[in-house]
Amino acid sequence: MQQTPILRGIAAGVLAGLFLAIAPLRADTIIDEWGTAKFPAPPQLKPAKVDAKQTAMLVMDFTMQTCSIERRPRCFASLPKIAKLVGEARAKGALVIYSIAGSGATAASIVPQLGPAPGETILPALGPDKFIGSDLEQMLKAKGIKTVIAVGTQAQTSVLHTASAAALRGFAVVVPVDGMSSDDTFPELYTTWHLSTASRINDRVTLTKTDMVSF
């Protein structure tokens, strides 16, 4: 019994020594390892030929609250190319659907460069996945839509989640990489990497550019 405190003291000392020996090793966590991550190469872009009558173009969240030269200059710079593609899609008879985002956004908040034509559907602020909380899937299938062209801001929210959701619902998805924008380049790269590598999504997604889409 007299040795019990001594043994406890020894055990405590041993444990303390082990802790001090191990502590430096534990400082390198998985987050520390991420600093050594290598960026993947940009994915290969391919031409996309679509049947306009079976295609819907989703023009997501381009409002004055989210896409201005002050708020998101990369988005603002992308507007001319997106406007050209929207005009071509509309002229060829493709379905054009808008969504809005941003505090207090309404249909009138959509940037003038991408203004909807009379009668075109405008989805309310729904969050990043435009299929959730809406009848978008039913609308597309009722109109015989097989292909979805996804453009929007931000890339890692509306484009990533809606394009993925469309692919998982069986639609072919076309994503022009110059038609999606974020605050900087990393989220755009991540979005393309995810869409081009995720199982059950990548085989239904074509990454392209606005001037490589034809109807």
N, C-alpha and C. Protein backbone atom coordinates (compact mmCIF):
# COMPACT_ATOMS: atom_id res chain seq x y z
N MET A 1 0.82 -1.21 0.00
CA MET A 1 0.00 0.00 0.00
C MET A 1 0.85 1.25 0.00
N GLN A 2 2.03 1.18 0.66
CA GLN A 2 2.89 2.35 0.74
C GLN A 2 3.49 2.71 -0.62
N GLN A 3 3.53 1.72 -1.53
CA GLN A 3 4.13 1.98 -2.84
C GLN A 3 3.13 2.59 -3.83
N THR A 4 1.87 2.55 -3.46
CA THR A 4 0.85 3.01 -4.41
C THR A 4 1.06 4.45 -4.84
N PRO A 5 1.27 5.39 -3.92
CA PRO A 5 1.52 6.78 -4.38
C PRO A 5 2.76 6.90 -5.24
N ILE A 6 3.80 6.12 -4.91
CA ILE A 6 5.03 6.16 -5.71
C ILE A 6 4.75 5.67 -7.12
N LEU A 7 4.03 4.53 -7.20
CA LEU A 7 3.72 3.97 -8.52
C LEU A 7 2.86 4.93 -9.34
N ARG A 8 1.93 5.54 -8.64
CA ARG A 8 1.09 6.51 -9.35
C ARG A 8 1.92 7.68 -9.87
N GLY A 9 2.87 8.10 -9.07
CA GLY A 9 3.73 9.21 -9.49
C GLY A 9 4.56 8.84 -10.70
N ILE A 10 5.09 7.60 -10.68
CA ILE A 10 5.88 7.13 -11.82
C ILE A 10 5.02 7.06 -13.08
N ALA A 11 3.81 6.49 -12.91
CA ALA A 11 2.91 6.36 -14.06
C ALA A 11 2.56 7.72 -14.63
N ALA A 12 2.29 8.68 -13.74
CA ALA A 12 1.97 10.03 -14.20
C ALA A 12 3.14 10.64 -14.95
N GLY A 13 4.34 10.40 -14.44
CA GLY A 13 5.52 10.94 -15.10
C GLY A 13 5.72 10.34 -16.48
N VAL A 14 5.51 9.03 -16.57
CA VAL A 14 5.65 8.35 -17.87
C VAL A 14 4.63 8.89 -18.86
N LEU A 15 3.38 9.04 -18.42
CA LEU A 15 2.34 9.55 -19.32
C LEU A 15 2.65 10.97 -19.77
N ALA A 16 3.14 11.78 -18.84
CA ALA A 16 3.50 13.16 -19.20
C ALA A 16 4.61 13.18 -20.23
N GLY A 17 5.59 12.28 -20.04
CA GLY A 17 6.69 12.21 -20.99
C GLY A 17 6.22 11.79 -22.36
N LEU A 18 5.32 10.80 -22.40
CA LEU A 18 4.78 10.36 -23.68
C LEU A 18 4.01 11.47 -24.37
N PHE A 19 3.24 12.21 -23.58
CA PHE A 19 2.46 13.31 -24.15
C PHE A 19 3.37 14.36 -24.78
N LEU A 20 4.45 14.69 -24.07
CA LEU A 20 5.37 15.69 -24.59
C LEU A 20 6.09 15.19 -25.84
N ALA A 21 6.34 13.87 -25.87
CA ALA A 21 7.03 13.30 -27.03
C ALA A 21 6.11 13.25 -28.25
N ILE A 22 4.82 12.99 -28.00
CA ILE A 22 3.88 12.83 -29.10
C ILE A 22 3.34 14.18 -29.58
N ALA A 23 3.25 15.15 -28.66
CA ALA A 23 2.62 16.43 -28.97
C ALA A 23 3.15 17.07 -30.24
N PRO A 24 4.47 17.12 -30.47
CA PRO A 24 4.95 17.74 -31.71
C PRO A 24 4.44 17.03 -32.96
N LEU A 25 4.28 15.70 -32.86
CA LEU A 25 3.78 14.95 -34.00
C LEU A 25 2.33 15.29 -34.28
N ARG A 26 1.55 15.51 -33.22
CA ARG A 26 0.13 15.78 -33.37
C ARG A 26 -0.13 17.19 -33.91
N ALA A 27 0.89 18.02 -33.90
CA ALA A 27 0.71 19.38 -34.41
C ALA A 27 0.41 19.39 -35.90
N ASP A 28 0.87 18.37 -36.63
CA ASP A 28 0.62 18.28 -38.06
C ASP A 28 -0.72 17.59 -38.28
N THR A 29 -1.77 18.35 -38.43
CA THR A 29 -3.11 17.80 -38.63
C THR A 29 -3.41 17.72 -40.12
N ILE A 30 -4.57 17.18 -40.43
CA ILE A 30 -4.96 17.08 -41.83
C ILE A 30 -5.03 18.46 -42.47
N ILE A 31 -5.41 19.47 -41.69
CA ILE A 31 -5.48 20.83 -42.23
C ILE A 31 -4.10 21.34 -42.60
N ASP A 32 -3.10 20.99 -41.77
CA ASP A 32 -1.73 21.38 -42.10
C ASP A 32 -1.29 20.75 -43.42
N GLU A 33 -1.73 19.52 -43.65
CA GLU A 33 -1.35 18.82 -44.88
C GLU A 33 -1.95 19.49 -46.11
N TRP A 34 -3.10 20.11 -45.96
CA TRP A 34 -3.74 20.73 -47.11
C TRP A 34 -2.88 21.82 -47.73
N GLY A 35 -1.99 22.39 -46.94
CA GLY A 35 -1.11 23.42 -47.48
C GLY A 35 -0.18 22.90 -48.56
N THR A 36 0.00 21.57 -48.61
CA THR A 36 0.87 20.98 -49.62
C THR A 36 0.09 20.45 -50.82
N ALA A 37 -1.23 20.65 -50.81
CA ALA A 37 -2.05 20.12 -51.91
C ALA A 37 -1.65 20.73 -53.24
N LYS A 38 -1.67 19.91 -54.27
CA LYS A 38 -1.36 20.37 -55.62
C LYS A 38 -2.66 20.61 -56.38
N PHE A 39 -2.72 21.72 -57.08
CA PHE A 39 -3.91 22.01 -57.86
C PHE A 39 -4.01 21.04 -59.04
N PRO A 40 -5.22 20.54 -59.31
CA PRO A 40 -5.38 19.69 -60.49
C PRO A 40 -5.26 20.51 -61.76
N ALA A 41 -4.93 19.86 -62.84
CA ALA A 41 -4.89 20.55 -64.13
C ALA A 41 -6.31 20.95 -64.52
N PRO A 42 -6.47 22.05 -65.22
CA PRO A 42 -7.81 22.43 -65.68
C PRO A 42 -8.41 21.32 -66.54
N PRO A 43 -9.70 21.06 -66.41
CA PRO A 43 -10.32 19.98 -67.18
C PRO A 43 -10.36 20.31 -68.67
N GLN A 44 -10.47 19.30 -69.47
CA GLN A 44 -10.55 19.48 -70.91
C GLN A 44 -11.93 20.03 -71.28
N LEU A 45 -11.94 21.03 -72.13
CA LEU A 45 -13.20 21.60 -72.61
C LEU A 45 -13.56 20.98 -73.96
N LYS A 46 -14.86 20.77 -74.16
CA LYS A 46 -15.32 20.11 -75.37
C LYS A 46 -16.43 20.92 -76.02
N PRO A 47 -16.56 20.85 -77.34
CA PRO A 47 -17.71 21.49 -77.99
C PRO A 47 -19.00 20.82 -77.53
N ALA A 48 -20.07 21.59 -77.50
CA ALA A 48 -21.37 21.06 -77.08
C ALA A 48 -22.42 21.42 -78.13
N LYS A 49 -22.92 20.41 -78.80
CA LYS A 49 -23.98 20.58 -79.79
C LYS A 49 -25.28 20.10 -79.15
N VAL A 50 -26.27 20.97 -79.06
CA VAL A 50 -27.51 20.62 -78.38
C VAL A 50 -28.70 20.82 -79.31
N ASP A 51 -29.77 20.11 -79.02
CA ASP A 51 -31.04 20.26 -79.72
C ASP A 51 -31.84 21.33 -78.98
N ALA A 52 -32.01 22.48 -79.59
CA ALA A 52 -32.63 23.61 -78.91
C ALA A 52 -34.01 23.25 -78.37
N LYS A 53 -34.76 22.46 -79.09
CA LYS A 53 -36.13 22.15 -78.67
C LYS A 53 -36.16 21.26 -77.43
N GLN A 54 -35.05 20.63 -77.11
CA GLN A 54 -34.99 19.77 -75.93
C GLN A 54 -34.01 20.32 -74.89
N THR A 55 -33.74 21.62 -74.99
CA THR A 55 -32.73 22.24 -74.13
C THR A 55 -33.32 23.39 -73.33
N ALA A 56 -32.92 23.46 -72.08
CA ALA A 56 -33.25 24.60 -71.23
C ALA A 56 -31.97 25.26 -70.78
N MET A 57 -31.95 26.57 -70.82
CA MET A 57 -30.80 27.32 -70.31
C MET A 57 -31.18 27.94 -68.98
N LEU A 58 -30.46 27.57 -67.94
CA LEU A 58 -30.70 28.11 -66.60
C LEU A 58 -29.75 29.28 -66.37
N VAL A 59 -30.32 30.46 -66.21
CA VAL A 59 -29.54 31.68 -66.04
C VAL A 59 -29.72 32.09 -64.57
N MET A 60 -28.73 31.75 -63.76
CA MET A 60 -28.94 31.72 -62.31
C MET A 60 -28.26 32.87 -61.56
N ASP A 61 -29.11 33.67 -60.91
CA ASP A 61 -28.71 34.59 -59.85
C ASP A 61 -27.92 35.81 -60.33
N PHE A 62 -28.10 36.19 -61.57
CA PHE A 62 -27.43 37.39 -62.08
C PHE A 62 -28.26 38.62 -61.74
N THR A 63 -28.19 39.03 -60.49
CA THR A 63 -28.92 40.22 -60.07
C THR A 63 -27.95 41.36 -59.78
N MET A 64 -28.51 42.53 -59.66
CA MET A 64 -27.66 43.70 -59.38
C MET A 64 -27.03 43.61 -58.00
N GLN A 65 -27.63 42.80 -57.12
CA GLN A 65 -27.04 42.59 -55.80
C GLN A 65 -25.83 41.67 -55.83
N THR A 66 -25.79 40.76 -56.80
CA THR A 66 -24.74 39.74 -56.81
C THR A 66 -23.73 39.90 -57.94
N CYS A 67 -24.08 40.66 -58.98
CA CYS A 67 -23.24 40.71 -60.17
C CYS A 67 -23.04 42.14 -60.63
N SER A 68 -22.18 42.83 -59.92
CA SER A 68 -21.82 44.20 -60.30
C SER A 68 -20.31 44.31 -60.31
N ILE A 69 -19.81 45.36 -60.92
CA ILE A 69 -18.36 45.52 -60.98
C ILE A 69 -17.78 45.75 -59.59
N GLU A 70 -18.60 46.27 -58.67
CA GLU A 70 -18.12 46.47 -57.30
C GLU A 70 -18.23 45.18 -56.49
N ARG A 71 -19.34 44.47 -56.60
CA ARG A 71 -19.57 43.29 -55.76
C ARG A 71 -18.80 42.08 -56.28
N ARG A 72 -18.87 41.82 -57.56
CA ARG A 72 -18.21 40.64 -58.11
C ARG A 72 -17.75 40.94 -59.54
N PRO A 73 -16.58 41.56 -59.67
CA PRO A 73 -16.12 41.98 -60.99
C PRO A 73 -15.96 40.83 -61.98
N ARG A 74 -15.64 39.64 -61.50
CA ARG A 74 -15.51 38.51 -62.43
C ARG A 74 -16.86 38.18 -63.06
N CYS A 75 -17.91 38.31 -62.30
CA CYS A 75 -19.25 38.09 -62.84
C CYS A 75 -19.60 39.18 -63.85
N PHE A 76 -19.35 40.41 -63.46
CA PHE A 76 -19.68 41.52 -64.35
C PHE A 76 -18.96 41.37 -65.70
N ALA A 77 -17.71 40.93 -65.66
CA ALA A 77 -16.93 40.78 -66.90
C ALA A 77 -17.48 39.65 -67.78
N SER A 78 -18.19 38.69 -67.19
CA SER A 78 -18.70 37.56 -67.95
C SER A 78 -20.02 37.86 -68.67
N LEU A 79 -20.66 38.96 -68.35
CA LEU A 79 -22.01 39.23 -68.84
C LEU A 79 -22.12 39.28 -70.37
N PRO A 80 -21.21 39.93 -71.10
CA PRO A 80 -21.37 39.97 -72.56
C PRO A 80 -21.42 38.58 -73.20
N LYS A 81 -20.56 37.68 -72.78
CA LYS A 81 -20.55 36.34 -73.36
C LYS A 81 -21.82 35.58 -73.00
N ILE A 82 -22.28 35.73 -71.77
CA ILE A 82 -23.50 35.05 -71.36
C ILE A 82 -24.71 35.62 -72.12
N ALA A 83 -24.75 36.93 -72.26
CA ALA A 83 -25.85 37.56 -72.99
C ALA A 83 -25.92 37.06 -74.43
N LYS A 84 -24.77 36.89 -75.05
CA LYS A 84 -24.74 36.38 -76.42
C LYS A 84 -25.29 34.96 -76.48
N LEU A 85 -24.90 34.12 -75.52
CA LEU A 85 -25.37 32.73 -75.52
C LEU A 85 -26.87 32.67 -75.22
N VAL A 86 -27.33 33.49 -74.29
CA VAL A 86 -28.77 33.53 -73.99
C VAL A 86 -29.55 33.95 -75.23
N GLY A 87 -29.05 34.95 -75.93
CA GLY A 87 -29.71 35.40 -77.15
C GLY A 87 -29.78 34.32 -78.21
N GLU A 88 -28.70 33.58 -78.37
CA GLU A 88 -28.69 32.49 -79.34
C GLU A 88 -29.65 31.38 -78.94
N ALA A 89 -29.66 31.03 -77.65
CA ALA A 89 -30.56 29.99 -77.16
C ALA A 89 -32.01 30.39 -77.39
N ARG A 90 -32.32 31.62 -77.06
CA ARG A 90 -33.70 32.10 -77.22
C ARG A 90 -34.10 32.12 -78.70
N ALA A 91 -33.21 32.58 -79.56
CA ALA A 91 -33.51 32.67 -80.99
C ALA A 91 -33.76 31.30 -81.61
N LYS A 92 -33.07 30.28 -81.07
CA LYS A 92 -33.22 28.93 -81.61
C LYS A 92 -34.39 28.18 -80.98
N GLY A 93 -35.06 28.80 -80.03
CA GLY A 93 -36.24 28.17 -79.44
C GLY A 93 -35.99 27.38 -78.18
N ALA A 94 -34.80 27.52 -77.59
CA ALA A 94 -34.54 26.83 -76.32
C ALA A 94 -35.32 27.51 -75.20
N LEU A 95 -35.64 26.73 -74.18
CA LEU A 95 -36.32 27.26 -73.00
C LEU A 95 -35.30 28.03 -72.16
N VAL A 96 -35.63 29.25 -71.75
CA VAL A 96 -34.74 30.05 -70.92
C VAL A 96 -35.43 30.29 -69.58
N ILE A 97 -34.75 29.90 -68.50
CA ILE A 97 -35.30 30.03 -67.16
C ILE A 97 -34.31 30.79 -66.30
N TYR A 98 -34.81 31.75 -65.55
CA TYR A 98 -33.98 32.57 -64.68
C TYR A 98 -34.21 32.22 -63.22
N SER A 99 -33.25 32.58 -62.40
CA SER A 99 -33.45 32.58 -60.96
C SER A 99 -32.83 33.84 -60.40
N ILE A 100 -33.28 34.24 -59.22
CA ILE A 100 -32.75 35.44 -58.59
C ILE A 100 -32.14 35.10 -57.25
N ALA A 101 -31.29 35.98 -56.76
CA ALA A 101 -30.65 35.80 -55.46
C ALA A 101 -30.24 37.15 -54.92
N GLY A 102 -30.05 37.20 -53.61
CA GLY A 102 -29.63 38.45 -52.99
C GLY A 102 -30.75 39.02 -52.13
N SER A 103 -30.37 39.71 -51.11
CA SER A 103 -31.34 40.28 -50.18
C SER A 103 -32.29 41.24 -50.89
N GLY A 104 -33.58 40.95 -50.79
CA GLY A 104 -34.58 41.81 -51.39
C GLY A 104 -34.69 41.72 -52.89
N ALA A 105 -34.06 40.72 -53.51
CA ALA A 105 -34.07 40.61 -54.97
C ALA A 105 -35.47 40.28 -55.50
N THR A 106 -35.81 40.89 -56.62
CA THR A 106 -37.05 40.61 -57.33
C THR A 106 -36.70 40.40 -58.80
N ALA A 107 -37.69 40.13 -59.61
CA ALA A 107 -37.45 39.96 -61.04
C ALA A 107 -36.81 41.21 -61.64
N ALA A 108 -37.15 42.36 -61.09
CA ALA A 108 -36.59 43.62 -61.59
C ALA A 108 -35.11 43.77 -61.25
N SER A 109 -34.60 42.89 -60.36
CA SER A 109 -33.20 42.98 -59.95
C SER A 109 -32.25 42.31 -60.93
N ILE A 110 -32.77 41.54 -61.87
CA ILE A 110 -31.90 40.87 -62.85
C ILE A 110 -31.14 41.92 -63.65
N VAL A 111 -29.84 41.69 -63.84
CA VAL A 111 -29.03 42.69 -64.53
C VAL A 111 -29.59 42.98 -65.92
N PRO A 112 -29.59 44.22 -66.35
CA PRO A 112 -30.21 44.57 -67.64
C PRO A 112 -29.62 43.81 -68.83
N GLN A 113 -28.33 43.49 -68.76
CA GLN A 113 -27.70 42.79 -69.88
C GLN A 113 -28.32 41.42 -70.14
N LEU A 114 -28.95 40.85 -69.12
CA LEU A 114 -29.52 39.50 -69.24
C LEU A 114 -31.02 39.50 -69.01
N GLY A 115 -31.66 40.62 -69.24
CA GLY A 115 -33.08 40.73 -68.95
C GLY A 115 -33.91 39.65 -69.62
N PRO A 116 -34.86 39.05 -68.89
CA PRO A 116 -35.71 38.00 -69.46
C PRO A 116 -36.70 38.56 -70.49
N ALA A 117 -37.06 37.70 -71.42
CA ALA A 117 -38.09 38.07 -72.39
C ALA A 117 -39.46 37.85 -71.76
N PRO A 118 -40.49 38.50 -72.27
CA PRO A 118 -41.83 38.31 -71.73
C PRO A 118 -42.23 36.83 -71.70
N GLY A 119 -42.76 36.39 -70.58
CA GLY A 119 -43.23 35.01 -70.46
C GLY A 119 -42.20 34.02 -69.98
N GLU A 120 -40.93 34.40 -69.91
CA GLU A 120 -39.91 33.47 -69.44
C GLU A 120 -40.01 33.31 -67.92
N THR A 121 -39.80 32.09 -67.47
CA THR A 121 -39.94 31.76 -66.05
C THR A 121 -38.82 32.38 -65.23
N ILE A 122 -39.17 32.93 -64.08
CA ILE A 122 -38.19 33.47 -63.14
C ILE A 122 -38.43 32.79 -61.79
N LEU A 123 -37.48 31.97 -61.38
CA LEU A 123 -37.58 31.29 -60.09
C LEU A 123 -37.23 32.25 -58.97
N PRO A 124 -37.88 32.13 -57.82
CA PRO A 124 -37.54 33.00 -56.69
C PRO A 124 -36.19 32.60 -56.09
N ALA A 125 -35.78 33.32 -55.07
CA ALA A 125 -34.53 32.98 -54.38
C ALA A 125 -34.71 31.65 -53.66
N LEU A 126 -34.01 30.64 -54.12
CA LEU A 126 -34.21 29.27 -53.64
C LEU A 126 -33.01 28.69 -52.93
N GLY A 127 -31.88 29.36 -52.95
CA GLY A 127 -30.67 28.74 -52.46
C GLY A 127 -29.88 28.15 -53.61
N PRO A 128 -28.82 27.41 -53.31
CA PRO A 128 -27.92 26.97 -54.38
C PRO A 128 -28.48 25.91 -55.32
N ASP A 129 -29.38 25.06 -54.85
CA ASP A 129 -29.96 24.00 -55.69
C ASP A 129 -31.35 24.45 -56.12
N LYS A 130 -31.51 24.78 -57.39
CA LYS A 130 -32.77 25.32 -57.87
C LYS A 130 -33.86 24.27 -58.00
N PHE A 131 -33.52 23.02 -57.82
CA PHE A 131 -34.54 21.97 -57.83
C PHE A 131 -35.26 21.86 -56.49
N ILE A 132 -34.61 22.30 -55.43
CA ILE A 132 -35.20 22.19 -54.09
C ILE A 132 -36.15 23.36 -53.86
N GLY A 133 -37.36 23.02 -53.48
CA GLY A 133 -38.35 24.05 -53.20
C GLY A 133 -39.01 24.63 -54.43
N SER A 134 -38.85 23.97 -55.58
CA SER A 134 -39.47 24.46 -56.81
C SER A 134 -40.01 23.28 -57.60
N ASP A 135 -40.76 23.58 -58.66
CA ASP A 135 -41.24 22.52 -59.56
C ASP A 135 -40.40 22.47 -60.82
N LEU A 136 -39.11 22.85 -60.70
CA LEU A 136 -38.23 22.91 -61.86
C LEU A 136 -38.15 21.57 -62.58
N GLU A 137 -37.97 20.48 -61.84
CA GLU A 137 -37.85 19.17 -62.49
C GLU A 137 -39.11 18.84 -63.28
N GLN A 138 -40.25 19.03 -62.67
CA GLN A 138 -41.51 18.73 -63.35
C GLN A 138 -41.69 19.61 -64.58
N MET A 139 -41.32 20.89 -64.45
CA MET A 139 -41.42 21.82 -65.57
C MET A 139 -40.57 21.36 -66.75
N LEU A 140 -39.34 20.97 -66.46
CA LEU A 140 -38.43 20.55 -67.53
C LEU A 140 -38.93 19.28 -68.21
N LYS A 141 -39.34 18.32 -67.41
CA LYS A 141 -39.79 17.05 -67.99
C LYS A 141 -41.10 17.21 -68.76
N ALA A 142 -41.97 18.09 -68.28
CA ALA A 142 -43.24 18.32 -68.98
C ALA A 142 -43.02 18.93 -70.36
N LYS A 143 -41.93 19.65 -70.52
CA LYS A 143 -41.63 20.30 -71.80
C LYS A 143 -40.67 19.47 -72.65
N GLY A 144 -40.39 18.24 -72.20
CA GLY A 144 -39.54 17.36 -72.98
C GLY A 144 -38.07 17.74 -72.99
N ILE A 145 -37.64 18.43 -71.96
CA ILE A 145 -36.24 18.88 -71.90
C ILE A 145 -35.33 17.70 -71.55
N LYS A 146 -34.27 17.56 -72.31
CA LYS A 146 -33.27 16.51 -72.08
C LYS A 146 -31.92 17.07 -71.64
N THR A 147 -31.67 18.33 -72.01
CA THR A 147 -30.36 18.95 -71.76
C THR A 147 -30.54 20.28 -71.04
N VAL A 148 -29.67 20.52 -70.08
CA VAL A 148 -29.68 21.77 -69.33
C VAL A 148 -28.33 22.46 -69.52
N ILE A 149 -28.37 23.72 -69.90
CA ILE A 149 -27.17 24.56 -69.93
C ILE A 149 -27.19 25.41 -68.67
N ALA A 150 -26.15 25.31 -67.86
CA ALA A 150 -26.12 26.00 -66.56
C ALA A 150 -25.09 27.11 -66.56
N VAL A 151 -25.55 28.33 -66.37
CA VAL A 151 -24.65 29.46 -66.15
C VAL A 151 -25.13 30.17 -64.88
N GLY A 152 -24.21 30.82 -64.17
CA GLY A 152 -24.64 31.49 -62.95
C GLY A 152 -23.51 31.99 -62.10
N THR A 153 -23.90 32.64 -61.04
CA THR A 153 -22.98 33.11 -60.03
C THR A 153 -23.64 32.91 -58.66
N GLN A 154 -22.93 32.26 -57.68
CA GLN A 154 -21.54 31.91 -57.83
C GLN A 154 -21.39 30.48 -58.36
N ALA A 155 -20.17 30.22 -58.89
CA ALA A 155 -19.90 28.90 -59.45
C ALA A 155 -20.10 27.79 -58.43
N GLN A 156 -19.57 27.99 -57.22
CA GLN A 156 -19.57 26.92 -56.22
C GLN A 156 -20.90 26.78 -55.50
N THR A 157 -21.86 27.64 -55.81
CA THR A 157 -23.18 27.53 -55.21
C THR A 157 -24.18 27.12 -56.27
N SER A 158 -24.76 28.07 -56.96
CA SER A 158 -25.82 27.75 -57.91
C SER A 158 -25.39 26.82 -59.03
N VAL A 159 -24.24 27.09 -59.64
CA VAL A 159 -23.82 26.25 -60.77
C VAL A 159 -23.48 24.84 -60.31
N LEU A 160 -22.65 24.73 -59.29
CA LEU A 160 -22.24 23.40 -58.82
C LEU A 160 -23.44 22.57 -58.38
N HIS A 161 -24.27 23.12 -57.54
CA HIS A 161 -25.35 22.33 -56.95
C HIS A 161 -26.49 22.07 -57.94
N THR A 162 -26.84 23.04 -58.74
CA THR A 162 -27.93 22.84 -59.69
C THR A 162 -27.50 21.94 -60.84
N ALA A 163 -26.28 22.14 -61.34
CA ALA A 163 -25.78 21.26 -62.41
C ALA A 163 -25.68 19.82 -61.91
N SER A 164 -25.17 19.63 -60.69
CA SER A 164 -25.07 18.29 -60.13
C SER A 164 -26.45 17.67 -59.96
N ALA A 165 -27.39 18.45 -59.44
CA ALA A 165 -28.75 17.95 -59.23
C ALA A 165 -29.40 17.57 -60.55
N ALA A 166 -29.16 18.35 -61.59
CA ALA A 166 -29.72 18.03 -62.90
C ALA A 166 -29.14 16.72 -63.43
N ALA A 167 -27.83 16.56 -63.30
CA ALA A 167 -27.19 15.32 -63.76
C ALA A 167 -27.74 14.11 -63.01
N LEU A 168 -27.90 14.24 -61.72
CA LEU A 168 -28.40 13.13 -60.91
C LEU A 168 -29.86 12.82 -61.21
N ARG A 169 -30.56 13.75 -61.83
CA ARG A 169 -31.95 13.52 -62.23
C ARG A 169 -32.05 13.03 -63.67
N GLY A 170 -30.91 12.77 -64.30
CA GLY A 170 -30.91 12.17 -65.62
C GLY A 170 -30.78 13.12 -66.78
N PHE A 171 -30.63 14.41 -66.52
CA PHE A 171 -30.46 15.37 -67.61
C PHE A 171 -29.00 15.40 -68.06
N ALA A 172 -28.80 15.63 -69.35
CA ALA A 172 -27.46 15.98 -69.82
C ALA A 172 -27.22 17.43 -69.43
N VAL A 173 -26.02 17.74 -69.01
CA VAL A 173 -25.72 19.08 -68.49
C VAL A 173 -24.53 19.67 -69.24
N VAL A 174 -24.70 20.90 -69.67
CA VAL A 174 -23.63 21.64 -70.35
C VAL A 174 -23.27 22.84 -69.46
N VAL A 175 -22.00 22.96 -69.12
CA VAL A 175 -21.55 24.06 -68.26
C VAL A 175 -20.45 24.85 -68.99
N PRO A 176 -20.78 26.02 -69.50
CA PRO A 176 -19.73 26.88 -70.08
C PRO A 176 -18.93 27.50 -68.94
N VAL A 177 -17.65 27.22 -68.88
CA VAL A 177 -16.86 27.67 -67.73
C VAL A 177 -16.68 29.18 -67.70
N ASP A 178 -16.85 29.85 -68.84
CA ASP A 178 -16.78 31.31 -68.84
C ASP A 178 -18.15 31.93 -68.57
N GLY A 179 -19.11 31.08 -68.21
CA GLY A 179 -20.43 31.57 -67.86
C GLY A 179 -20.75 31.34 -66.40
N MET A 180 -19.74 30.96 -65.62
CA MET A 180 -19.91 30.81 -64.17
C MET A 180 -18.80 31.60 -63.51
N SER A 181 -19.10 32.26 -62.43
CA SER A 181 -18.11 33.14 -61.82
C SER A 181 -18.20 33.09 -60.31
N SER A 182 -17.08 33.42 -59.69
CA SER A 182 -17.00 33.51 -58.24
C SER A 182 -16.20 34.76 -57.88
N ASP A 183 -15.91 34.90 -56.60
CA ASP A 183 -15.14 36.05 -56.16
C ASP A 183 -13.68 35.95 -56.59
N ASP A 184 -13.17 34.71 -56.75
CA ASP A 184 -11.82 34.51 -57.26
C ASP A 184 -11.77 33.19 -58.02
N THR A 185 -10.59 32.79 -58.45
CA THR A 185 -10.48 31.67 -59.37
C THR A 185 -10.62 30.30 -58.72
N PHE A 186 -10.25 30.17 -57.44
CA PHE A 186 -10.26 28.83 -56.84
C PHE A 186 -11.65 28.19 -56.84
N PRO A 187 -12.72 28.88 -56.42
CA PRO A 187 -14.03 28.23 -56.46
C PRO A 187 -14.45 27.81 -57.87
N GLU A 188 -14.03 28.57 -58.86
CA GLU A 188 -14.35 28.18 -60.24
C GLU A 188 -13.62 26.90 -60.62
N LEU A 189 -12.33 26.83 -60.27
CA LEU A 189 -11.57 25.61 -60.54
C LEU A 189 -12.16 24.43 -59.78
N TYR A 190 -12.49 24.65 -58.50
CA TYR A 190 -13.06 23.55 -57.72
C TYR A 190 -14.36 23.05 -58.35
N THR A 191 -15.21 23.97 -58.80
CA THR A 191 -16.49 23.59 -59.39
C THR A 191 -16.29 22.71 -60.61
N THR A 192 -15.38 23.11 -61.48
CA THR A 192 -15.14 22.29 -62.68
C THR A 192 -14.53 20.94 -62.30
N TRP A 193 -13.64 20.94 -61.31
CA TRP A 193 -13.04 19.67 -60.88
C TRP A 193 -14.11 18.74 -60.33
N HIS A 194 -14.99 19.25 -59.52
CA HIS A 194 -16.06 18.42 -58.93
C HIS A 194 -16.96 17.87 -60.03
N LEU A 195 -17.40 18.72 -60.94
CA LEU A 195 -18.31 18.28 -61.98
C LEU A 195 -17.67 17.27 -62.92
N SER A 196 -16.35 17.36 -63.07
CA SER A 196 -15.67 16.46 -64.01
C SER A 196 -15.15 15.18 -63.36
N THR A 197 -15.29 15.06 -62.05
CA THR A 197 -14.76 13.87 -61.36
C THR A 197 -15.78 13.13 -60.51
N ALA A 198 -16.86 13.76 -60.11
CA ALA A 198 -17.81 13.13 -59.19
C ALA A 198 -18.57 12.00 -59.86
N SER A 199 -18.62 10.86 -59.21
CA SER A 199 -19.34 9.70 -59.73
C SER A 199 -20.81 10.02 -59.96
N ARG A 200 -21.36 9.51 -61.07
CA ARG A 200 -22.75 9.66 -61.46
C ARG A 200 -23.08 11.08 -61.92
N ILE A 201 -22.11 11.96 -61.85
CA ILE A 201 -22.29 13.33 -62.34
C ILE A 201 -21.42 13.57 -63.56
N ASN A 202 -20.14 13.17 -63.46
CA ASN A 202 -19.18 13.53 -64.52
C ASN A 202 -19.54 12.96 -65.88
N ASP A 203 -20.21 11.80 -65.90
CA ASP A 203 -20.52 11.21 -67.20
C ASP A 203 -21.73 11.88 -67.87
N ARG A 204 -22.35 12.81 -67.19
CA ARG A 204 -23.50 13.52 -67.77
C ARG A 204 -23.22 15.01 -67.97
N VAL A 205 -22.00 15.44 -67.62
CA VAL A 205 -21.65 16.86 -67.70
C VAL A 205 -20.61 17.10 -68.79
N THR A 206 -20.87 18.10 -69.62
CA THR A 206 -19.89 18.56 -70.61
C THR A 206 -19.43 19.95 -70.22
N LEU A 207 -18.13 20.08 -69.98
CA LEU A 207 -17.54 21.39 -69.69
C LEU A 207 -17.10 22.01 -71.01
N THR A 208 -17.46 23.26 -71.20
CA THR A 208 -17.23 23.89 -72.49
C THR A 208 -17.04 25.40 -72.30
N LYS A 209 -17.12 26.16 -73.36
CA LYS A 209 -17.10 27.64 -73.31
C LYS A 209 -18.33 28.14 -74.06
N THR A 210 -18.68 29.38 -73.79
CA THR A 210 -19.89 29.92 -74.42
C THR A 210 -19.80 29.89 -75.94
N ASP A 211 -18.60 30.10 -76.50
CA ASP A 211 -18.48 30.12 -77.97
C ASP A 211 -18.29 28.73 -78.55
N MET A 212 -18.35 27.69 -77.70
CA MET A 212 -18.27 26.31 -78.18
C MET A 212 -19.60 25.60 -78.09
N VAL A 213 -20.67 26.34 -77.74
CA VAL A 213 -22.01 25.77 -77.67
C VAL A 213 -22.74 26.12 -78.96
N SER A 214 -23.35 25.14 -79.58
CA SER A 214 -24.12 25.38 -80.80
C SER A 214 -25.46 24.68 -80.70
N PHE A 215 -26.44 25.27 -81.43
CA PHE A 215 -27.81 24.76 -81.39
C PHE A 215 -28.23 24.23 -82.75
